[in-house]
């Protein structure tokens, strides 16, 4: 997880976030270090974003500004929107009140563990 100021464009953090993705476990062989493709909206349609992804052997699936509709990304985007909605239910995380990044990150970890715990209780108990 990476934290950035609210007034910084998301595309500036793309490389750092992609590099922070942990190894993906597979059934056989070595764990894959990065995903094979990345879906993004028009906010990431910059040459430096696509170049950074291609350097990491990731196929960019980015909607182009002025050409494509963002609706085609809706098939994959709802997962992200749903997850953000789950985190927004925690009032402390909806608006960042914490000045220290380590405390803010700790609250995110607590929220993620509570979300997982509720999921387990709902489906397995």
N, C-alpha and C. Protein backbone atom coordinates (compact mmCIF):
# COMPACT_ATOMS: atom_id res chain seq x y z
N UNK A 1 0.85 -1.17 0.00
CA UNK A 1 0.00 0.00 0.00
C UNK A 1 0.90 1.24 0.00
N UNK A 2 0.55 2.18 -0.81
CA UNK A 2 1.30 3.42 -0.91
C UNK A 2 0.37 4.59 -0.62
N UNK A 3 0.90 5.61 0.04
CA UNK A 3 0.11 6.79 0.40
C UNK A 3 0.71 7.99 -0.32
N UNK A 4 -0.17 8.81 -0.91
CA UNK A 4 0.29 10.02 -1.58
C UNK A 4 -0.65 11.16 -1.22
N UNK A 5 -0.22 12.39 -1.43
CA UNK A 5 -1.11 13.53 -1.15
C UNK A 5 -2.32 13.53 -2.08
N UNK A 6 -3.39 14.12 -1.63
CA UNK A 6 -4.62 14.16 -2.42
C UNK A 6 -4.48 15.05 -3.65
N UNK A 7 -3.58 16.01 -3.62
CA UNK A 7 -3.45 16.92 -4.75
C UNK A 7 -2.43 16.43 -5.79
N UNK A 8 -1.99 15.20 -5.69
CA UNK A 8 -1.07 14.62 -6.66
C UNK A 8 -1.83 13.68 -7.58
N UNK A 9 -1.57 13.76 -8.87
CA UNK A 9 -2.29 12.94 -9.85
C UNK A 9 -1.94 11.47 -9.66
N UNK A 10 -2.93 10.62 -9.85
CA UNK A 10 -2.74 9.18 -9.64
C UNK A 10 -1.70 8.58 -10.57
N UNK A 11 -1.58 9.10 -11.77
CA UNK A 11 -0.65 8.52 -12.74
C UNK A 11 0.81 8.66 -12.28
N UNK A 12 1.10 9.61 -11.44
CA UNK A 12 2.47 9.80 -10.95
C UNK A 12 2.89 8.68 -10.01
N UNK A 13 1.94 8.00 -9.41
CA UNK A 13 2.24 6.92 -8.46
C UNK A 13 2.17 5.54 -9.10
N UNK A 14 1.89 5.46 -10.38
CA UNK A 14 1.67 4.17 -11.02
C UNK A 14 2.87 3.24 -10.88
N UNK A 15 4.06 3.71 -11.20
CA UNK A 15 5.24 2.86 -11.13
C UNK A 15 5.49 2.35 -9.71
N UNK A 16 5.36 3.23 -8.75
CA UNK A 16 5.60 2.85 -7.36
C UNK A 16 4.59 1.82 -6.87
N UNK A 17 3.33 1.98 -7.27
CA UNK A 17 2.29 1.04 -6.85
C UNK A 17 2.48 -0.32 -7.52
N UNK A 18 2.81 -0.32 -8.80
CA UNK A 18 3.03 -1.58 -9.51
C UNK A 18 4.24 -2.31 -8.93
N UNK A 19 5.28 -1.58 -8.58
CA UNK A 19 6.46 -2.21 -7.98
C UNK A 19 6.17 -2.74 -6.58
N UNK A 20 5.16 -2.22 -5.91
CA UNK A 20 4.83 -2.67 -4.55
C UNK A 20 3.94 -3.91 -4.53
N UNK A 21 3.48 -4.36 -5.69
CA UNK A 21 2.62 -5.55 -5.74
C UNK A 21 3.46 -6.76 -5.33
N UNK A 22 2.99 -7.54 -4.34
CA UNK A 22 3.76 -8.71 -3.91
C UNK A 22 3.71 -9.82 -4.96
N UNK A 23 4.57 -10.80 -4.80
CA UNK A 23 4.62 -11.93 -5.73
C UNK A 23 3.29 -12.67 -5.74
N UNK A 24 2.87 -13.07 -6.94
CA UNK A 24 1.60 -13.77 -7.11
C UNK A 24 1.88 -15.26 -7.08
N UNK A 25 1.25 -15.94 -6.17
CA UNK A 25 1.48 -17.38 -6.00
C UNK A 25 0.79 -18.17 -7.10
N UNK A 26 1.48 -19.17 -7.64
CA UNK A 26 0.93 -20.02 -8.68
C UNK A 26 1.00 -21.47 -8.23
N UNK A 27 0.27 -22.33 -8.93
CA UNK A 27 0.24 -23.75 -8.56
C UNK A 27 1.60 -24.41 -8.75
N UNK A 28 2.25 -24.13 -9.87
CA UNK A 28 3.53 -24.75 -10.16
C UNK A 28 4.54 -23.70 -10.60
N UNK A 29 5.78 -23.96 -10.32
CA UNK A 29 6.83 -23.05 -10.77
C UNK A 29 7.06 -21.91 -9.80
N UNK A 30 7.91 -20.99 -10.24
CA UNK A 30 8.24 -19.83 -9.42
C UNK A 30 7.06 -18.89 -9.34
N UNK A 31 6.91 -18.15 -8.24
CA UNK A 31 5.82 -17.17 -8.16
C UNK A 31 6.04 -16.05 -9.17
N UNK A 32 4.97 -15.64 -9.82
CA UNK A 32 5.05 -14.56 -10.79
C UNK A 32 5.19 -13.25 -10.03
N UNK A 33 6.13 -12.42 -10.43
CA UNK A 33 6.42 -11.18 -9.71
C UNK A 33 5.37 -10.10 -9.95
N UNK A 34 4.83 -10.04 -11.15
CA UNK A 34 3.86 -8.99 -11.49
C UNK A 34 2.69 -9.59 -12.25
N UNK A 35 1.57 -8.87 -12.28
CA UNK A 35 0.43 -9.35 -13.06
C UNK A 35 0.74 -9.27 -14.57
N UNK A 36 -0.06 -9.99 -15.38
CA UNK A 36 0.19 -9.99 -16.82
C UNK A 36 -0.37 -8.74 -17.50
N UNK A 37 -1.49 -8.21 -16.98
CA UNK A 37 -2.07 -7.01 -17.58
C UNK A 37 -2.66 -6.12 -16.50
N UNK A 38 -2.85 -4.85 -16.86
CA UNK A 38 -3.37 -3.87 -15.91
C UNK A 38 -4.47 -3.07 -16.60
N UNK A 39 -5.65 -3.03 -16.00
CA UNK A 39 -6.76 -2.25 -16.51
C UNK A 39 -6.77 -0.90 -15.82
N UNK A 40 -6.92 0.17 -16.59
CA UNK A 40 -6.93 1.52 -16.02
C UNK A 40 -7.87 2.41 -16.82
N UNK A 41 -8.30 3.49 -16.19
CA UNK A 41 -9.20 4.42 -16.88
C UNK A 41 -8.40 5.48 -17.62
N UNK A 42 -9.09 6.48 -18.14
CA UNK A 42 -8.47 7.50 -18.99
C UNK A 42 -7.45 8.37 -18.25
N UNK A 43 -7.50 8.37 -16.94
CA UNK A 43 -6.55 9.16 -16.16
C UNK A 43 -5.12 8.67 -16.27
N UNK A 44 -4.95 7.46 -16.76
CA UNK A 44 -3.62 6.88 -16.90
C UNK A 44 -3.16 6.81 -18.36
N UNK A 45 -3.86 7.47 -19.26
CA UNK A 45 -3.53 7.43 -20.68
C UNK A 45 -2.41 8.43 -21.00
N UNK A 46 -1.23 8.11 -20.55
CA UNK A 46 -0.05 8.91 -20.81
C UNK A 46 1.04 7.97 -21.32
N UNK A 47 1.93 8.51 -22.13
CA UNK A 47 3.00 7.69 -22.71
C UNK A 47 3.91 7.12 -21.63
N UNK A 48 4.20 7.89 -20.58
CA UNK A 48 5.12 7.40 -19.55
C UNK A 48 4.49 6.26 -18.75
N UNK A 49 3.17 6.24 -18.60
CA UNK A 49 2.50 5.14 -17.91
C UNK A 49 2.58 3.86 -18.74
N UNK A 50 2.28 3.97 -20.01
CA UNK A 50 2.32 2.79 -20.87
C UNK A 50 3.75 2.27 -21.02
N UNK A 51 4.70 3.18 -21.11
CA UNK A 51 6.10 2.78 -21.22
C UNK A 51 6.57 2.07 -19.95
N UNK A 52 6.18 2.58 -18.79
CA UNK A 52 6.57 1.96 -17.53
C UNK A 52 5.98 0.56 -17.39
N UNK A 53 4.75 0.37 -17.84
CA UNK A 53 4.13 -0.94 -17.77
C UNK A 53 4.79 -1.93 -18.73
N UNK A 54 5.10 -1.46 -19.94
CA UNK A 54 5.73 -2.35 -20.92
C UNK A 54 7.15 -2.75 -20.49
N UNK A 55 7.85 -1.85 -19.80
CA UNK A 55 9.18 -2.19 -19.29
C UNK A 55 9.11 -3.30 -18.25
N UNK A 56 7.98 -3.40 -17.57
CA UNK A 56 7.79 -4.43 -16.55
C UNK A 56 7.07 -5.66 -17.10
N UNK A 57 6.93 -5.75 -18.41
CA UNK A 57 6.27 -6.87 -19.10
C UNK A 57 4.81 -7.01 -18.68
N UNK A 58 4.14 -5.87 -18.52
CA UNK A 58 2.71 -5.84 -18.19
C UNK A 58 1.98 -5.24 -19.39
N UNK A 59 0.91 -5.88 -19.80
CA UNK A 59 0.13 -5.39 -20.94
C UNK A 59 -0.81 -4.30 -20.43
N UNK A 60 -0.69 -3.05 -20.92
CA UNK A 60 -1.60 -1.99 -20.46
C UNK A 60 -2.94 -2.06 -21.17
N UNK A 61 -4.02 -2.07 -20.42
CA UNK A 61 -5.39 -2.00 -20.93
C UNK A 61 -5.96 -0.68 -20.44
N UNK A 62 -5.61 0.39 -21.13
CA UNK A 62 -5.96 1.75 -20.69
C UNK A 62 -6.91 2.36 -21.72
N UNK A 63 -8.03 2.90 -21.24
CA UNK A 63 -8.97 3.59 -22.12
C UNK A 63 -8.29 4.86 -22.64
N UNK A 64 -8.43 5.11 -23.93
CA UNK A 64 -7.77 6.28 -24.52
C UNK A 64 -8.65 7.52 -24.41
N UNK A 65 -8.02 8.62 -24.10
CA UNK A 65 -8.74 9.89 -23.95
C UNK A 65 -9.28 10.35 -25.29
N UNK A 66 -10.55 10.74 -25.31
CA UNK A 66 -11.17 11.28 -26.51
C UNK A 66 -11.55 10.25 -27.55
N UNK A 67 -11.23 8.98 -27.35
CA UNK A 67 -11.52 7.96 -28.35
C UNK A 67 -12.47 6.90 -27.79
N UNK A 68 -12.05 6.28 -26.68
CA UNK A 68 -12.82 5.16 -26.14
C UNK A 68 -13.69 5.59 -24.97
N UNK A 69 -14.72 4.82 -24.75
CA UNK A 69 -15.60 5.03 -23.61
C UNK A 69 -15.05 4.25 -22.42
N UNK A 70 -15.24 4.77 -21.24
CA UNK A 70 -14.78 4.09 -20.03
C UNK A 70 -15.71 2.95 -19.64
N UNK A 71 -16.84 2.83 -20.33
CA UNK A 71 -17.82 1.81 -19.95
C UNK A 71 -17.31 0.40 -20.19
N UNK A 72 -16.43 0.21 -21.14
CA UNK A 72 -15.90 -1.13 -21.39
C UNK A 72 -15.07 -1.62 -20.23
N UNK A 73 -14.50 -0.71 -19.45
CA UNK A 73 -13.72 -1.10 -18.29
C UNK A 73 -14.60 -1.47 -17.10
N UNK A 74 -15.90 -1.23 -17.21
CA UNK A 74 -16.82 -1.49 -16.11
C UNK A 74 -16.84 -2.93 -15.67
N UNK A 75 -16.53 -3.85 -16.57
CA UNK A 75 -16.51 -5.26 -16.21
C UNK A 75 -15.47 -5.55 -15.13
N UNK A 76 -14.38 -4.84 -15.16
CA UNK A 76 -13.30 -5.08 -14.20
C UNK A 76 -13.29 -4.03 -13.10
N UNK A 77 -13.82 -2.86 -13.39
CA UNK A 77 -13.72 -1.75 -12.46
C UNK A 77 -14.63 -1.91 -11.24
N UNK A 78 -15.73 -2.66 -11.36
CA UNK A 78 -16.66 -2.79 -10.25
C UNK A 78 -15.99 -3.44 -9.05
N UNK A 79 -14.98 -4.26 -9.26
CA UNK A 79 -14.27 -4.89 -8.15
C UNK A 79 -13.58 -3.82 -7.31
N UNK A 80 -12.94 -2.88 -7.97
CA UNK A 80 -12.25 -1.80 -7.27
C UNK A 80 -13.25 -0.89 -6.57
N UNK A 81 -14.33 -0.53 -7.27
CA UNK A 81 -15.33 0.36 -6.68
C UNK A 81 -15.99 -0.29 -5.46
N UNK A 82 -16.26 -1.59 -5.55
CA UNK A 82 -16.86 -2.30 -4.42
C UNK A 82 -15.92 -2.30 -3.22
N UNK A 83 -14.63 -2.54 -3.47
CA UNK A 83 -13.66 -2.57 -2.39
C UNK A 83 -13.52 -1.19 -1.75
N UNK A 84 -13.50 -0.14 -2.56
CA UNK A 84 -13.43 1.22 -2.00
C UNK A 84 -14.67 1.54 -1.18
N UNK A 85 -15.82 1.04 -1.60
CA UNK A 85 -17.04 1.25 -0.82
C UNK A 85 -16.96 0.54 0.52
N UNK A 86 -16.37 -0.66 0.55
CA UNK A 86 -16.21 -1.36 1.82
C UNK A 86 -15.33 -0.56 2.77
N UNK A 87 -14.25 0.03 2.26
CA UNK A 87 -13.37 0.83 3.11
C UNK A 87 -14.04 2.14 3.52
N UNK A 88 -14.90 2.69 2.67
CA UNK A 88 -15.56 3.97 2.99
C UNK A 88 -16.57 3.82 4.13
N UNK A 89 -16.97 2.59 4.44
CA UNK A 89 -17.89 2.40 5.55
C UNK A 89 -17.24 2.71 6.89
N UNK A 90 -15.92 2.72 6.92
CA UNK A 90 -15.19 3.11 8.13
C UNK A 90 -14.96 4.61 8.07
N UNK A 91 -15.67 5.33 8.91
CA UNK A 91 -15.64 6.80 8.85
C UNK A 91 -14.25 7.39 8.98
N UNK A 92 -13.43 6.76 9.78
CA UNK A 92 -12.09 7.28 10.02
C UNK A 92 -11.24 7.24 8.74
N UNK A 93 -11.59 6.37 7.82
CA UNK A 93 -10.82 6.23 6.58
C UNK A 93 -11.41 7.02 5.43
N UNK A 94 -12.69 7.39 5.53
CA UNK A 94 -13.33 8.14 4.44
C UNK A 94 -12.67 9.50 4.28
N UNK A 95 -12.37 10.15 5.39
CA UNK A 95 -11.62 11.41 5.39
C UNK A 95 -10.38 11.18 6.23
N UNK A 96 -9.24 11.54 5.72
CA UNK A 96 -8.00 11.29 6.45
C UNK A 96 -7.80 12.36 7.52
N UNK A 97 -7.94 11.92 8.78
CA UNK A 97 -7.72 12.80 9.91
C UNK A 97 -6.31 12.66 10.48
N UNK A 98 -5.68 11.56 10.18
CA UNK A 98 -4.36 11.28 10.74
C UNK A 98 -3.28 12.00 9.96
N UNK A 99 -2.36 12.60 10.68
CA UNK A 99 -1.23 13.26 10.01
C UNK A 99 -0.11 12.27 9.70
N UNK A 100 0.06 11.30 10.58
CA UNK A 100 1.15 10.34 10.41
C UNK A 100 0.71 9.21 9.49
N UNK A 101 1.55 8.90 8.52
CA UNK A 101 1.23 7.87 7.53
C UNK A 101 1.18 6.48 8.16
N UNK A 102 2.02 6.22 9.16
CA UNK A 102 2.03 4.88 9.76
C UNK A 102 0.72 4.58 10.50
N UNK A 103 0.14 5.59 11.15
CA UNK A 103 -1.13 5.40 11.83
C UNK A 103 -2.25 5.21 10.81
N UNK A 104 -2.24 5.99 9.75
CA UNK A 104 -3.23 5.87 8.70
C UNK A 104 -3.17 4.49 8.04
N UNK A 105 -1.95 4.00 7.79
CA UNK A 105 -1.77 2.67 7.23
C UNK A 105 -2.26 1.60 8.19
N UNK A 106 -2.00 1.78 9.48
CA UNK A 106 -2.47 0.82 10.48
C UNK A 106 -4.00 0.74 10.49
N UNK A 107 -4.67 1.88 10.39
CA UNK A 107 -6.13 1.87 10.34
C UNK A 107 -6.64 1.15 9.09
N UNK A 108 -5.93 1.29 7.97
CA UNK A 108 -6.31 0.57 6.76
C UNK A 108 -6.14 -0.94 6.95
N UNK A 109 -5.08 -1.34 7.61
CA UNK A 109 -4.88 -2.77 7.87
C UNK A 109 -5.96 -3.32 8.80
N UNK A 110 -6.33 -2.56 9.79
CA UNK A 110 -7.40 -2.98 10.69
C UNK A 110 -8.71 -3.10 9.92
N UNK A 111 -9.00 -2.12 9.07
CA UNK A 111 -10.23 -2.16 8.28
C UNK A 111 -10.23 -3.37 7.35
N UNK A 112 -9.10 -3.65 6.71
CA UNK A 112 -9.02 -4.80 5.81
C UNK A 112 -9.23 -6.11 6.57
N UNK A 113 -8.66 -6.21 7.76
CA UNK A 113 -8.86 -7.44 8.53
C UNK A 113 -10.30 -7.57 8.99
N UNK A 114 -10.96 -6.48 9.34
CA UNK A 114 -12.38 -6.54 9.72
C UNK A 114 -13.26 -6.93 8.53
N UNK A 115 -12.94 -6.40 7.36
CA UNK A 115 -13.69 -6.76 6.15
C UNK A 115 -13.55 -8.25 5.87
N UNK A 116 -12.33 -8.77 5.96
CA UNK A 116 -12.11 -10.20 5.74
C UNK A 116 -12.81 -11.04 6.80
N UNK A 117 -12.75 -10.61 8.05
CA UNK A 117 -13.40 -11.35 9.13
C UNK A 117 -14.92 -11.41 8.92
N UNK A 118 -15.51 -10.31 8.52
CA UNK A 118 -16.96 -10.30 8.26
C UNK A 118 -17.31 -11.21 7.09
N UNK A 119 -16.46 -11.23 6.08
CA UNK A 119 -16.69 -12.12 4.94
C UNK A 119 -16.65 -13.57 5.37
N UNK A 120 -15.66 -13.92 6.19
CA UNK A 120 -15.53 -15.30 6.68
C UNK A 120 -16.74 -15.67 7.54
N UNK A 121 -17.15 -14.78 8.42
CA UNK A 121 -18.31 -15.05 9.27
C UNK A 121 -19.57 -15.26 8.44
N UNK A 122 -19.73 -14.46 7.40
CA UNK A 122 -20.94 -14.52 6.58
C UNK A 122 -21.02 -15.82 5.78
N UNK A 123 -19.89 -16.24 5.21
CA UNK A 123 -19.92 -17.35 4.28
C UNK A 123 -19.52 -18.69 4.87
N UNK A 124 -18.82 -18.69 5.98
CA UNK A 124 -18.31 -19.96 6.48
C UNK A 124 -18.80 -20.33 7.88
N UNK A 125 -19.59 -19.49 8.49
CA UNK A 125 -20.06 -19.80 9.85
C UNK A 125 -21.56 -20.00 9.88
